[in-house]
Amino acid sequence: MDHSIIPADISERFSILGVCVLIPTYNNAASIEQVITDVLRYTGQVIVINDGSTDATPAILEKFPQVTVAAYSPNKGKGMALRTGFKKAMELGYRYAITIDSDGQHFAKDLPLFLDALETGGPALIMGSRNMATADNVPGKSSFGHKFSNFWFRVETGIDCPDTQTGYRLYPLEPISRMQLFTRKYELEIEVIVRLAWTGVPVTSVPITVYYPPKEERITHFRPFKDFSRISVLNTVLVLITFLYIKPRNFFRRFTKKNWQQELKRLLLNPGETTVTKANSMAFGAFMGIVPIWGFQLLVGIPAAHWMRLNKALFILAANISIPPMIPLIIFLSYKMGKPWMGSRAVDISFSKQLTLKYMGQNLEQYLYGSITLAIVAAILFWLLTFLLLKIPLKQKR
């Protein structure tokens, strides 16, 4: 590489911004030397994590005394290598870390792109976006995993990221320092970006070039069955947390702010959605709030609302018809509405005297029929009220 084409201030920008480059490596003796050499042309702030290599990697690293090396044995996986690198970078006082793979897939010439994005947009998680459509020799599993990972990241965070599997990234270290990371292998790269997004860290991307060697020259430590299974389990857990905690938390945070009235008005009067969509969202929320699947209403309802392209904020608002003070009334009305379905087996229930768990258990069938009926009736009422409340102001305005 011609040194004259590299801006002289690149190294200084790394220092001013507090950015280092992390290179995790495991048995990549064939490529690690060239990767380090290329990175050093841009910055001396380099940390290599030797993840228990058993080849010539340790001897190669001795050629670079200016590089910080963190080494351990035996091999623990890429996730542990990154966690070790994050810890070392924070100990050395860095604020950001750019991770680059040691197999020669990434190019050091793209490092300034991350600095440009950081200086322009401010602190963020910056992902290096590969153009998988034009890259040569892309493995089939990488193409599938690329789409698979992007989809679940969007479900878990609401963010459309073009490449969530890239290993070329700029991480903000301060929010990571407050996390208790749990994964140890490849799936850590998913855990950390999802959790950073949950904390409110902006997620952006920069286009990068990528090189995939021919199949006969390719070295990979990714185990398709084991690692894909671990990633699937992690995504399952993250989705559960998303729908049971993150999305409800984000929704209610809007209404704990001083401008909650304006926020509610924005949701109801959002010009990007039709009145019917808003009415459907409220109706479906009321239905799921009453239907007898206690504890799972949001877990089932939010994915369904997403699939039906409803307003999820309005759905959650209506689903909270089953807040604790309302539960006794909902149960009482459910028994009353279930009475016609039971015929001669119907029981009458008193709101004050017979609304006990024991009595409910003895007459569960009537409750189930009645709660579904009540859910349907409530959905119809919510739909009508929402539709009328939104249509009347529009007519008056016209």
Protein backbone atom coordinates (compact mmCIF):
# COMPACT_ATOMS: atom_id res chain seq x y z
CA MET A 1 0.00 0.00 0.00
CA ASP A 2 1.26 3.44 -0.92
CA HIS A 3 1.73 5.37 2.32
CA SER A 4 1.50 8.69 0.50
CA ILE A 5 -2.22 8.28 -0.20
CA ILE A 6 -3.07 7.93 3.50
CA PRO A 7 -3.92 11.26 5.19
CA ALA A 8 -1.29 12.19 7.75
CA ASP A 9 -3.89 13.08 10.37
CA ILE A 10 -5.57 9.63 10.53
CA SER A 11 -3.44 8.44 13.45
CA GLU A 12 -4.02 11.71 15.29
CA ARG A 13 -7.79 11.36 14.80
CA PHE A 14 -7.66 7.91 16.42
CA SER A 15 -5.92 9.47 19.44
CA ILE A 16 -8.24 12.49 19.73
CA LEU A 17 -11.38 10.37 19.46
CA GLY A 18 -10.07 7.69 21.82
CA VAL A 19 -10.51 4.89 19.28
CA CYS A 20 -8.55 1.64 19.23
CA VAL A 21 -8.69 -1.35 16.89
CA LEU A 22 -9.45 -4.79 18.33
CA ILE A 23 -8.32 -7.85 16.38
CA PRO A 24 -9.55 -11.15 17.86
CA THR A 25 -7.71 -14.12 16.37
CA TYR A 26 -7.67 -17.89 16.60
CA ASN A 27 -5.37 -19.95 14.38
CA ASN A 28 -5.18 -17.38 11.60
CA ALA A 29 -1.41 -17.50 11.20
CA ALA A 30 -1.74 -17.29 7.41
CA SER A 31 -3.37 -13.86 7.50
CA ILE A 32 -2.88 -12.19 10.90
CA GLU A 33 0.51 -10.66 10.08
CA GLN A 34 -0.80 -8.85 7.00
CA VAL A 35 -3.92 -7.67 8.84
CA ILE A 36 -1.88 -6.15 11.68
CA THR A 37 0.58 -4.58 9.22
CA ASP A 38 -2.26 -2.94 7.29
CA VAL A 39 -3.95 -1.62 10.45
CA LEU A 40 -0.68 -0.17 11.80
CA ARG A 41 -0.47 2.04 8.71
CA TYR A 42 -3.47 3.91 10.13
CA THR A 43 -3.01 3.73 13.90
CA GLY A 44 -0.75 2.32 16.57
CA GLN A 45 -3.69 1.92 18.95
CA VAL A 46 -4.10 -1.77 18.30
CA ILE A 47 -5.09 -4.61 20.64
CA VAL A 48 -4.84 -8.21 19.48
CA ILE A 49 -6.69 -10.89 21.45
CA ASN A 50 -5.04 -14.28 20.96
CA ASP A 51 -7.91 -16.64 21.72
CA GLY A 52 -5.85 -19.74 22.53
CA SER A 53 -4.20 -20.15 19.11
CA THR A 54 -2.23 -23.37 18.68
CA ASP A 55 -0.53 -22.47 15.38
CA ALA A 56 2.25 -19.95 14.68
CA THR A 57 0.17 -16.97 15.81
CA PRO A 58 2.11 -16.32 19.09
CA ALA A 59 5.41 -16.17 17.21
CA ILE A 60 3.96 -13.79 14.63
CA LEU A 61 2.62 -11.48 17.33
CA GLU A 62 6.13 -11.18 18.79
CA LYS A 63 7.09 -9.31 15.63
CA PHE A 64 4.86 -6.41 16.71
CA PRO A 65 6.08 -5.12 20.10
CA GLN A 66 4.11 -1.89 19.56
CA VAL A 67 0.84 -3.82 19.65
CA THR A 68 -0.97 -4.64 22.90
CA VAL A 69 -1.59 -8.39 23.10
CA ALA A 70 -4.06 -10.12 25.40
CA ALA A 71 -3.60 -13.89 25.29
CA TYR A 72 -5.00 -16.88 27.13
CA SER A 73 -5.41 -20.60 26.65
CA PRO A 74 -7.35 -22.69 25.81
CA ASN A 75 -9.59 -21.28 23.09
CA LYS A 76 -12.82 -19.83 24.53
CA GLY A 77 -14.65 -18.54 21.45
CA LYS A 78 -14.99 -15.22 19.67
CA GLY A 79 -17.43 -13.83 22.22
CA MET A 80 -14.95 -14.24 25.07
CA ALA A 81 -12.21 -12.79 22.88
CA LEU A 82 -14.31 -9.67 22.30
CA ARG A 83 -15.22 -9.39 25.97
CA THR A 84 -11.50 -9.62 26.82
CA GLY A 85 -10.74 -6.96 24.21
CA PHE A 86 -13.44 -4.60 25.49
CA LYS A 87 -12.11 -4.92 29.03
CA LYS A 88 -8.52 -4.29 27.97
CA ALA A 89 -9.52 -1.29 25.83
CA MET A 90 -11.40 0.29 28.74
CA GLU A 91 -8.47 -0.35 31.08
CA LEU A 92 -6.26 1.56 28.63
CA GLY A 93 -8.69 4.49 28.57
CA TYR A 94 -10.17 4.12 25.10
CA ARG A 95 -13.73 5.32 24.47
CA TYR A 96 -14.40 3.36 21.30
CA ALA A 97 -13.19 0.13 19.75
CA ILE A 98 -13.27 -0.89 16.10
CA THR A 99 -13.30 -4.67 15.70
CA ILE A 100 -11.81 -6.18 12.55
CA ASP A 101 -11.53 -9.87 11.67
CA SER A 102 -8.09 -11.46 11.43
CA ASP A 103 -8.83 -13.68 8.43
CA GLY A 104 -8.20 -10.95 5.84
CA GLN A 105 -11.89 -10.56 5.01
CA HIS A 106 -11.91 -6.86 5.97
CA PHE A 107 -9.75 -4.05 4.66
CA ALA A 108 -7.89 -1.56 6.85
CA LYS A 109 -8.48 1.14 4.22
CA ASP A 110 -12.08 1.34 5.49
CA LEU A 111 -11.04 2.38 9.01
CA PRO A 112 -11.33 6.14 8.26
CA LEU A 113 -14.99 5.60 7.30
CA PHE A 114 -15.79 4.76 10.92
CA LEU A 115 -13.95 7.86 12.15
CA ASP A 116 -15.85 10.02 9.66
CA ALA A 117 -19.19 8.61 10.83
CA LEU A 118 -18.24 9.08 14.49
CA GLU A 119 -17.17 12.69 13.97
CA THR A 120 -20.25 13.50 11.90
CA GLY A 121 -22.98 11.68 13.80
CA GLY A 122 -21.60 11.53 17.34
CA PRO A 123 -21.42 8.50 19.66
CA ALA A 124 -23.08 5.46 18.11
CA LEU A 125 -22.75 1.80 17.31
CA ILE A 126 -21.42 1.93 13.74
CA MET A 127 -21.78 -1.21 11.65
CA GLY A 128 -19.68 -1.93 8.58
CA SER A 129 -22.22 -2.84 5.92
CA ARG A 130 -21.05 -5.41 3.36
CA ASN A 131 -22.63 -5.51 -0.08
CA MET A 132 -23.48 -9.21 -0.11
CA ALA A 133 -25.15 -8.93 -3.51
CA THR A 134 -21.96 -7.96 -5.34
CA ALA A 135 -19.27 -9.71 -3.29
CA ASP A 136 -17.63 -12.76 -4.88
CA ASN A 137 -17.54 -16.24 -3.32
CA VAL A 138 -20.15 -15.45 -0.64
CA PRO A 139 -20.89 -18.72 1.24
CA GLY A 140 -24.53 -19.81 1.11
CA LYS A 141 -24.80 -19.95 4.89
CA SER A 142 -23.49 -16.38 5.16
CA SER A 143 -26.13 -15.08 2.76
CA PHE A 144 -28.91 -16.86 4.66
CA GLY A 145 -27.54 -15.87 8.06
CA HIS A 146 -27.28 -12.26 6.90
CA LYS A 147 -31.02 -12.05 6.13
CA PHE A 148 -31.99 -14.12 9.18
CA SER A 149 -30.01 -11.93 11.58
CA ASN A 150 -31.24 -8.65 10.06
CA PHE A 151 -34.87 -9.76 10.42
CA TRP A 152 -34.61 -10.66 14.10
CA PHE A 153 -32.64 -7.52 14.93
CA ARG A 154 -35.47 -5.46 13.43
CA VAL A 155 -38.04 -7.42 15.47
CA GLU A 156 -36.04 -7.00 18.69
CA THR A 157 -35.12 -3.34 18.30
CA GLY A 158 -37.33 -1.82 15.62
CA ILE A 159 -34.15 -0.74 13.80
CA ASP A 160 -33.53 -1.62 10.16
CA CYS A 161 -29.80 -2.39 10.01
CA PRO A 162 -28.43 -3.49 6.62
CA ASP A 163 -25.78 -5.85 8.03
CA THR A 164 -26.02 -7.17 11.58
CA GLN A 165 -23.56 -10.04 11.05
CA THR A 166 -20.57 -7.96 10.07
CA GLY A 167 -17.54 -8.29 12.32
CA TYR A 168 -16.27 -4.85 11.26
CA ARG A 169 -17.86 -2.48 13.79
CA LEU A 170 -17.22 0.53 15.99
CA TYR A 171 -18.44 -0.05 19.56
CA PRO A 172 -18.98 2.68 22.18
CA LEU A 173 -17.27 1.25 25.26
CA GLU A 174 -18.94 3.23 28.06
CA PRO A 175 -22.39 1.63 27.72
CA ILE A 176 -20.77 -1.79 27.32
CA SER A 177 -18.93 -1.25 30.60
CA ARG A 178 -22.33 -1.11 32.35
CA MET A 179 -23.49 -4.42 30.90
CA GLN A 180 -23.23 -7.91 32.29
CA LEU A 181 -22.68 -9.84 29.06
CA PHE A 182 -23.76 -13.49 29.13
CA THR A 183 -22.77 -15.15 25.86
CA ARG A 184 -19.33 -16.49 24.99
CA LYS A 185 -19.26 -17.55 21.35
CA TYR A 186 -20.30 -15.96 18.04
CA GLU A 187 -23.72 -15.07 19.44
CA LEU A 188 -22.16 -12.33 21.60
CA GLU A 189 -21.99 -10.14 18.49
CA ILE A 190 -25.79 -10.26 18.42
CA GLU A 191 -26.31 -9.89 22.16
CA VAL A 192 -24.21 -6.75 22.44
CA ILE A 193 -25.73 -4.85 19.49
CA VAL A 194 -29.30 -5.63 20.58
CA ARG A 195 -28.63 -4.58 24.15
CA LEU A 196 -26.85 -1.40 23.02
CA ALA A 197 -29.93 -0.53 20.94
CA TRP A 198 -32.16 -1.21 23.97
CA THR A 199 -30.17 1.33 26.01
CA GLY A 200 -30.80 4.00 23.38
CA VAL A 201 -27.43 3.95 21.63
CA PRO A 202 -27.95 5.07 17.99
CA VAL A 203 -27.17 2.40 15.39
CA THR A 204 -25.74 3.55 12.06
CA SER A 205 -23.73 1.93 9.27
CA VAL A 206 -21.00 2.68 6.75
CA PRO A 207 -20.40 0.79 3.48
CA ILE A 208 -17.31 -1.41 3.54
CA THR A 209 -15.60 -3.71 1.07
CA VAL A 210 -15.25 -7.40 1.85
CA TYR A 211 -13.20 -10.27 0.48
CA TYR A 212 -14.27 -13.91 0.52
CA PRO A 213 -11.47 -16.24 -0.61
CA PRO A 214 -12.30 -19.24 -2.79
CA LYS A 215 -13.82 -22.16 -0.91
CA GLU A 216 -10.62 -24.23 -1.00
CA GLU A 217 -8.66 -21.38 0.65
CA ARG A 218 -11.29 -20.38 3.19
CA ILE A 219 -10.62 -20.81 6.93
CA THR A 220 -13.59 -20.54 9.26
CA HIS A 221 -14.21 -21.55 12.85
CA PHE A 222 -17.97 -21.10 12.60
CA ARG A 223 -19.73 -24.41 13.29
CA PRO A 224 -23.00 -24.21 11.35
CA PHE A 225 -25.13 -26.51 13.51
CA LYS A 226 -23.81 -25.66 16.98
CA ASP A 227 -23.34 -21.93 16.49
CA PHE A 228 -26.56 -21.43 14.54
CA SER A 229 -28.42 -23.30 17.31
CA ARG A 230 -26.87 -21.05 19.95
CA ILE A 231 -27.81 -17.96 17.95
CA SER A 232 -31.39 -19.23 17.57
CA VAL A 233 -31.70 -19.79 21.33
CA LEU A 234 -30.34 -16.30 21.99
CA ASN A 235 -32.81 -14.73 19.54
CA THR A 236 -35.65 -16.59 21.23
CA VAL A 237 -34.65 -15.15 24.61
CA LEU A 238 -34.17 -11.65 23.17
CA VAL A 239 -37.58 -11.71 21.49
CA LEU A 240 -39.24 -12.75 24.76
CA ILE A 241 -37.51 -9.92 26.62
CA THR A 242 -38.45 -7.51 23.82
CA PHE A 243 -42.18 -8.21 23.95
CA LEU A 244 -42.49 -8.79 27.70
CA TYR A 245 -40.35 -5.88 28.89
CA ILE A 246 -38.61 -3.64 26.35
CA LYS A 247 -41.58 -2.62 24.18
CA PRO A 248 -43.98 -2.07 27.13
CA ARG A 249 -41.21 -0.14 28.92
CA ASN A 250 -40.58 2.09 25.93
CA PHE A 251 -44.29 2.68 25.48
CA PHE A 252 -44.91 3.76 29.08
CA ARG A 253 -41.77 5.89 29.12
CA ARG A 254 -43.42 8.09 26.54
CA PHE A 255 -46.34 8.76 28.85
CA THR A 256 -44.29 9.42 31.98
CA LYS A 257 -42.76 12.44 30.31
CA LYS A 258 -44.25 15.90 30.69
CA ASN A 259 -45.46 15.88 27.10
CA TRP A 260 -47.55 12.72 27.46
CA GLN A 261 -50.66 14.55 26.22
CA GLN A 262 -48.90 15.59 23.03
CA GLU A 263 -47.55 12.04 22.63
CA LEU A 264 -51.02 10.54 22.95
CA LYS A 265 -52.36 13.07 20.48
CA ARG A 266 -49.56 12.23 18.06
CA LEU A 267 -50.36 8.53 18.24
CA LEU A 268 -54.08 9.07 17.73
CA LEU A 269 -53.78 11.68 15.00
CA ASN A 270 -50.80 10.17 13.16
CA PRO A 271 -51.51 11.16 9.55
CA GLY A 272 -49.50 8.20 8.31
CA GLU A 273 -52.19 5.77 9.47
CA THR A 274 -55.83 5.51 8.52
CA THR A 275 -58.64 5.85 11.04
CA VAL A 276 -59.55 2.21 10.41
CA THR A 277 -56.00 1.07 11.29
CA LYS A 278 -56.12 3.00 14.56
CA ALA A 279 -59.57 1.63 15.38
CA ASN A 280 -58.40 -1.90 14.56
CA SER A 281 -55.36 -1.43 16.83
CA MET A 282 -57.49 -0.33 19.78
CA ALA A 283 -60.04 -3.11 19.15
CA PHE A 284 -57.38 -5.81 18.97
CA GLY A 285 -55.74 -4.45 22.14
CA ALA A 286 -59.03 -4.59 24.05
CA PHE A 287 -59.65 -8.13 22.79
CA MET A 288 -56.18 -9.38 23.83
CA GLY A 289 -56.44 -7.60 27.19
CA ILE A 290 -59.53 -9.62 28.12
CA VAL A 291 -59.09 -12.93 26.31
CA PRO A 292 -58.23 -15.64 28.92
CA ILE A 293 -54.50 -16.09 28.38
CA TRP A 294 -53.38 -14.19 31.49
CA GLY A 295 -49.69 -13.34 31.45
CA PHE A 296 -49.31 -13.94 27.73
CA GLN A 297 -51.51 -11.23 26.22
CA LEU A 298 -48.61 -9.01 25.15
CA LEU A 299 -46.35 -11.92 24.24
CA VAL A 300 -48.96 -13.17 21.78
CA GLY A 301 -50.56 -9.85 20.89
CA ILE A 302 -47.54 -7.71 19.96
CA PRO A 303 -46.17 -10.13 17.31
CA ALA A 304 -49.72 -10.49 15.96
CA ALA A 305 -50.17 -6.70 15.87
CA HIS A 306 -46.82 -6.40 14.07
CA TRP A 307 -47.88 -9.04 11.52
CA MET A 308 -51.21 -7.27 10.94
CA ARG A 309 -49.41 -3.90 10.57
CA LEU A 310 -51.33 -2.33 13.43
CA ASN A 311 -50.26 0.58 15.61
CA LYS A 312 -48.45 -1.29 18.39
CA ALA A 313 -48.49 1.67 20.77
CA LEU A 314 -52.29 1.93 20.54
CA PHE A 315 -52.55 -1.84 20.84
CA ILE A 316 -50.60 -1.80 24.14
CA LEU A 317 -52.62 1.17 25.40
CA ALA A 318 -55.91 -0.71 24.86
CA ALA A 319 -54.53 -4.03 26.12
CA ASN A 320 -54.01 -2.42 29.50
CA ILE A 321 -57.75 -2.63 30.06
CA SER A 322 -56.74 -5.59 32.25
CA ILE A 323 -54.74 -3.54 34.76
CA PRO A 324 -55.09 -4.95 38.32
CA PRO A 325 -57.95 -2.66 39.49
CA MET A 326 -60.01 -3.80 36.50
CA ILE A 327 -59.39 -7.55 36.81
CA PRO A 328 -62.20 -8.31 39.33
CA LEU A 329 -64.70 -6.44 37.18
CA ILE A 330 -63.53 -8.24 34.03
CA ILE A 331 -63.84 -11.64 35.73
CA PHE A 332 -67.30 -10.79 37.08
CA LEU A 333 -68.54 -9.62 33.68
CA SER A 334 -67.01 -12.70 32.05
CA TYR A 335 -69.08 -14.98 34.30
CA LYS A 336 -72.20 -12.97 33.58
CA MET A 337 -71.64 -13.11 29.81
CA GLY A 338 -70.84 -16.81 29.96
CA LYS A 339 -74.12 -17.66 31.64
CA PRO A 340 -76.24 -17.84 28.43
CA TRP A 341 -73.76 -20.32 26.92
CA MET A 342 -74.04 -22.79 29.81
CA GLY A 343 -77.79 -23.35 29.75
CA SER A 344 -78.96 -25.35 32.76
CA ARG A 345 -75.38 -25.69 34.01
CA ALA A 346 -74.96 -21.96 34.41
CA VAL A 347 -74.13 -20.54 37.82
CA ASP A 348 -74.84 -17.10 39.18
CA ILE A 349 -72.02 -15.24 40.85
CA SER A 350 -71.93 -12.38 43.30
CA PHE A 351 -69.33 -9.65 42.79
CA SER A 352 -68.73 -9.25 46.51
CA LYS A 353 -69.15 -12.75 47.97
CA GLN A 354 -68.37 -15.44 45.40
CA LEU A 355 -65.54 -13.95 43.38
CA THR A 356 -62.91 -16.31 44.80
CA LEU A 357 -60.30 -18.46 43.11
CA LYS A 358 -61.92 -21.64 44.47
CA TYR A 359 -65.35 -20.73 43.14
CA MET A 360 -63.88 -19.64 39.81
CA GLY A 361 -62.01 -22.91 39.45
CA GLN A 362 -65.20 -24.89 39.99
CA ASN A 363 -66.93 -22.96 37.18
CA LEU A 364 -64.02 -22.40 34.82
CA GLU A 365 -65.91 -23.35 31.65
CA GLN A 366 -68.45 -20.56 32.14
CA TYR A 367 -65.63 -18.06 32.67
CA LEU A 368 -63.82 -19.14 29.48
CA TYR A 369 -66.94 -18.80 27.33
CA GLY A 370 -67.84 -15.49 28.95
CA SER A 371 -64.35 -13.96 28.75
CA ILE A 372 -64.12 -14.65 25.02
CA THR A 373 -67.57 -13.14 24.55
CA LEU A 374 -66.62 -10.12 26.64
CA ALA A 375 -63.39 -9.73 24.66
CA ILE A 376 -65.33 -9.63 21.40
CA VAL A 377 -67.88 -7.15 22.77
CA ALA A 378 -65.11 -4.92 24.17
CA ALA A 379 -63.26 -5.04 20.83
CA ILE A 380 -66.38 -3.90 18.98
CA LEU A 381 -66.99 -1.07 21.47
CA PHE A 382 -63.36 0.08 21.35
CA TRP A 383 -63.45 0.05 17.54
CA LEU A 384 -66.63 2.12 17.39
CA LEU A 385 -65.49 4.62 20.02
CA THR A 386 -62.07 5.10 18.43
CA PHE A 387 -63.53 5.44 14.94
CA LEU A 388 -66.15 7.98 16.05
CA LEU A 389 -63.74 10.00 18.21
CA LEU A 390 -61.35 10.33 15.31
CA LYS A 391 -63.92 10.93 12.60
CA ILE A 392 -65.97 13.60 14.40
CA PRO A 393 -63.02 16.05 14.88
CA LEU A 394 -62.08 15.54 11.22
CA LYS A 395 -65.60 16.41 10.06
CA GLN A 396 -65.69 19.49 12.31
CA LYS A 397 -62.32 20.62 10.97
CA ARG A 398 -63.56 20.30 7.39
